[in-house]
Amino acid sequence: MQNNAAYELRLAMVYQRINGPATLEPITVHSSDTGQHVFNNMKKRQYNIARMESPLWFLNLLLTRMEVGIAEIRWTHTDNKTIEISGTRVELRDFEQYHLFSEAIRHPALLANEPDFLMEYGSLILCESGGLDGLVGQQVLVVYTMADKEKIAWLLLLALILSPALGLIVGQFTQRAEVGVAVAAGVFACASFLQGLAAWIHK
């Protein structure tokens, strides 16, 4: 009788930082997982890494969007060949953007009807038998972030709408018009600063 019990696998995911290193960040999946489960796990893993690495991770979430592609590992970089694979710095080659995967990491339900995702993309299963040197040529899912112009535009539009209203409320509450004007200007200035910061980081 055939044994259809699910078993654990590790999917080869690389997180490419903004103007920084790319590191191998394998995620644990099960052989029975649908594409939706796989991309839910990827999304959670990326958020966890962002939270651990920066106290301002929420700004990254607010002003950027996640993108996904597929590449091959060109080489691994470590001074200790016995360390855990997770977190190993890698250099990539032959990167190809996958728009479906980019949409799926933002909306994993798009792959809810993909029960054979891991079978179809079996080359993305991490092969650990050869150690770090054996990872050269391994196909990986590459997750990275880029400035989301739509989010930034909505933020500025919201600031344009709210800053006068907030200034008016504060001015009436304090009975001082100059305070209301200062608050309105401050809110808009903060939103403009965030837009400029996002553009500078992602240029």
Protein backbone atom coordinates (compact mmCIF):
# COMPACT_ATOMS: atom_id res chain seq x y z
CA MET A 1 0.00 0.00 0.00
CA GLN A 2 1.33 3.44 -0.95
CA ASN A 3 2.31 5.75 1.90
CA ASN A 4 0.94 9.26 1.30
CA ALA A 5 2.01 10.70 4.65
CA ALA A 6 3.32 14.27 4.41
CA TYR A 7 6.97 14.87 5.24
CA GLU A 8 9.05 17.96 5.92
CA LEU A 9 11.14 19.72 3.30
CA ARG A 10 13.19 22.90 3.27
CA LEU A 11 12.51 25.39 0.52
CA ALA A 12 15.49 27.41 -0.71
CA MET A 13 14.61 31.04 -0.11
CA VAL A 14 17.06 33.94 -0.32
CA TYR A 15 16.38 37.33 1.24
CA GLN A 16 17.99 40.16 -0.70
CA ARG A 17 18.41 43.23 1.47
CA ILE A 18 18.20 46.76 0.14
CA ASN A 19 21.76 47.73 -0.84
CA GLY A 20 22.97 44.85 1.32
CA PRO A 21 23.86 41.15 1.30
CA ALA A 22 21.69 38.30 0.11
CA THR A 23 21.38 35.47 2.63
CA LEU A 24 19.97 31.99 2.39
CA GLU A 25 16.90 31.73 4.64
CA PRO A 26 15.37 28.25 4.16
CA ILE A 27 11.76 27.76 5.20
CA THR A 28 10.26 24.52 6.41
CA VAL A 29 7.31 23.23 4.39
CA HIS A 30 5.46 19.94 4.08
CA SER A 31 5.20 17.82 0.98
CA SER A 32 1.40 18.21 1.05
CA ASP A 33 1.48 22.02 1.22
CA THR A 34 -0.33 24.01 -1.43
CA GLY A 35 1.20 27.06 -3.06
CA GLN A 36 -0.82 29.19 -0.64
CA HIS A 37 0.78 27.53 2.40
CA VAL A 38 4.24 27.89 0.91
CA PHE A 39 3.87 31.60 0.23
CA ASN A 40 2.25 32.24 3.60
CA ASN A 41 5.37 30.76 5.19
CA MET A 42 7.63 32.86 2.96
CA LYS A 43 5.74 36.02 3.86
CA LYS A 44 5.97 35.32 7.59
CA ARG A 45 9.66 34.51 7.33
CA GLN A 46 10.42 37.76 5.52
CA TYR A 47 8.48 39.79 8.10
CA ASN A 48 10.30 38.07 10.95
CA ILE A 49 13.69 38.84 9.41
CA ALA A 50 12.73 42.49 8.87
CA ARG A 51 11.54 42.83 12.48
CA MET A 52 14.74 41.31 13.86
CA GLU A 53 17.06 43.45 11.76
CA SER A 54 15.53 46.91 12.08
CA PRO A 55 13.51 48.78 14.71
CA LEU A 56 11.98 50.73 11.83
CA TRP A 57 10.71 47.64 10.02
CA PHE A 58 7.16 49.04 10.04
CA LEU A 59 8.29 51.91 7.79
CA ASN A 60 9.60 49.36 5.31
CA LEU A 61 6.23 47.62 5.44
CA LEU A 62 4.41 50.93 5.01
CA LEU A 63 6.37 52.23 2.03
CA THR A 64 7.52 49.15 0.12
CA ARG A 65 6.21 46.00 -1.51
CA MET A 66 7.67 42.53 -1.71
CA GLU A 67 8.83 41.09 -5.01
CA VAL A 68 9.90 37.54 -5.86
CA GLY A 69 12.10 36.00 -8.52
CA ILE A 70 14.12 32.86 -9.14
CA ALA A 71 17.90 32.67 -9.41
CA GLU A 72 20.81 30.28 -8.94
CA ILE A 73 23.45 30.40 -6.22
CA ARG A 74 26.77 31.39 -7.77
CA TRP A 75 28.79 30.93 -4.60
CA THR A 76 28.44 30.88 -0.82
CA HIS A 77 30.46 33.01 1.54
CA THR A 78 31.39 31.81 5.02
CA ASP A 79 34.53 31.32 7.07
CA ASN A 80 33.12 28.26 8.82
CA LYS A 81 32.01 25.34 6.66
CA THR A 82 30.18 23.70 9.56
CA ILE A 83 27.80 26.52 10.40
CA GLU A 84 24.05 26.35 9.96
CA ILE A 85 23.00 26.97 6.36
CA SER A 86 20.40 29.52 7.41
CA GLY A 87 21.88 33.02 7.22
CA THR A 88 24.70 32.07 4.84
CA ARG A 89 25.65 34.90 2.49
CA VAL A 90 25.31 34.01 -1.17
CA GLU A 91 25.92 35.57 -4.56
CA LEU A 92 23.28 34.95 -7.20
CA ARG A 93 23.25 34.59 -10.98
CA ASP A 94 20.64 34.28 -13.74
CA PHE A 95 17.94 36.14 -11.82
CA GLU A 96 14.47 36.12 -13.38
CA GLN A 97 11.51 38.08 -12.08
CA TYR A 98 8.33 36.06 -11.46
CA HIS A 99 5.29 38.36 -11.44
CA LEU A 100 2.91 35.59 -10.35
CA PHE A 101 5.09 34.83 -7.33
CA SER A 102 5.35 38.55 -6.52
CA GLU A 103 1.57 38.77 -6.45
CA ALA A 104 1.36 35.53 -4.47
CA ILE A 105 3.64 36.67 -1.65
CA ARG A 106 1.39 39.69 -1.21
CA HIS A 107 -1.79 37.64 -1.66
CA PRO A 108 -0.99 33.95 -0.99
CA ALA A 109 -4.60 32.89 -1.64
CA LEU A 110 -3.86 33.29 -5.37
CA LEU A 111 -2.12 29.88 -5.18
CA ALA A 112 -4.80 28.16 -3.08
CA ASN A 113 -5.60 25.88 -6.01
CA GLU A 114 -2.00 24.81 -6.58
CA PRO A 115 -1.74 21.53 -4.61
CA ASP A 116 1.26 20.34 -6.62
CA PHE A 117 3.34 23.48 -6.23
CA LEU A 118 6.28 21.71 -4.59
CA MET A 119 6.23 18.95 -7.19
CA GLU A 120 6.14 21.44 -10.05
CA TYR A 121 8.98 23.50 -8.58
CA GLY A 122 11.00 20.66 -7.09
CA SER A 123 14.25 22.35 -8.10
CA LEU A 124 13.59 24.88 -5.31
CA ILE A 125 13.78 22.21 -2.60
CA LEU A 126 17.02 22.76 -0.69
CA CYS A 127 19.63 20.05 -1.30
CA GLU A 128 21.74 19.97 1.87
CA SER A 129 23.62 16.70 1.38
CA GLY A 130 26.67 18.43 -0.14
CA GLY A 131 27.03 21.05 2.58
CA LEU A 132 27.58 24.70 1.72
CA ASP A 133 29.82 23.96 -1.27
CA GLY A 134 27.10 21.73 -2.68
CA LEU A 135 24.69 24.65 -2.82
CA VAL A 136 26.40 26.18 -5.86
CA GLY A 137 23.92 25.92 -8.73
CA GLN A 138 20.95 25.49 -6.38
CA GLN A 139 17.82 27.27 -7.61
CA VAL A 140 16.33 29.63 -5.05
CA LEU A 141 13.33 31.88 -4.57
CA VAL A 142 14.61 35.44 -4.11
CA VAL A 143 12.52 37.76 -1.95
CA TYR A 144 13.30 41.47 -1.91
CA THR A 145 11.53 44.78 -1.36
CA MET A 146 11.23 47.89 -3.46
CA ALA A 147 9.59 51.28 -3.04
CA ASP A 148 5.85 51.10 -3.64
CA LYS A 149 4.92 54.29 -5.49
CA GLU A 150 1.22 53.61 -5.06
CA LYS A 151 1.53 53.34 -1.26
CA ILE A 152 3.63 56.50 -1.13
CA ALA A 153 1.14 58.40 -3.30
CA TRP A 154 -1.75 57.32 -1.04
CA LEU A 155 0.23 58.39 2.02
CA LEU A 156 0.78 61.86 0.58
CA LEU A 157 -2.87 62.14 -0.47
CA LEU A 158 -3.94 61.15 3.04
CA ALA A 159 -1.57 63.74 4.50
CA LEU A 160 -2.99 66.42 2.19
CA ILE A 161 -6.51 65.59 3.38
CA LEU A 162 -5.81 65.11 7.06
CA SER A 163 -3.24 67.82 7.78
CA PRO A 164 -5.64 70.79 7.26
CA ALA A 165 -8.41 68.98 9.15
CA LEU A 166 -6.11 68.10 12.05
CA GLY A 167 -4.73 71.63 12.10
CA LEU A 168 -8.25 73.05 12.22
CA ILE A 169 -9.25 70.78 15.10
CA VAL A 170 -6.12 71.61 17.10
CA GLY A 171 -6.52 75.33 16.37
CA GLN A 172 -10.12 75.33 17.60
CA PHE A 173 -9.25 73.24 20.66
CA THR A 174 -6.37 75.53 21.68
CA GLN A 175 -8.02 78.71 20.42
CA ARG A 176 -4.73 79.52 18.71
CA ALA A 177 -4.70 79.58 14.92
CA GLU A 178 -0.92 79.54 14.70
CA VAL A 179 -0.78 76.24 16.60
CA GLY A 180 -3.25 74.69 14.17
CA VAL A 181 -1.22 75.87 11.19
CA ALA A 182 1.97 74.48 12.73
CA VAL A 183 0.36 71.08 13.35
CA ALA A 184 -0.98 70.89 9.80
CA ALA A 185 2.41 71.80 8.37
CA GLY A 186 4.13 69.30 10.65
CA VAL A 187 1.91 66.40 9.58
CA PHE A 188 2.49 67.11 5.90
CA ALA A 189 6.23 67.57 6.45
CA CYS A 190 6.43 64.16 8.16
CA ALA A 191 4.67 62.49 5.24
CA SER A 192 6.96 64.23 2.76
CA PHE A 193 9.99 63.13 4.76
CA LEU A 194 8.85 59.50 4.64
CA GLN A 195 8.43 59.74 0.87
CA GLY A 196 11.91 61.20 0.48
CA LEU A 197 13.39 58.57 2.80
CA ALA A 198 11.86 55.75 0.78
CA ALA A 199 13.11 57.23 -2.49
CA TRP A 200 16.62 57.65 -1.05
CA ILE A 201 16.81 54.12 0.35
CA HIS A 202 15.61 52.49 -2.87
CA LYS A 203 17.43 54.62 -5.44
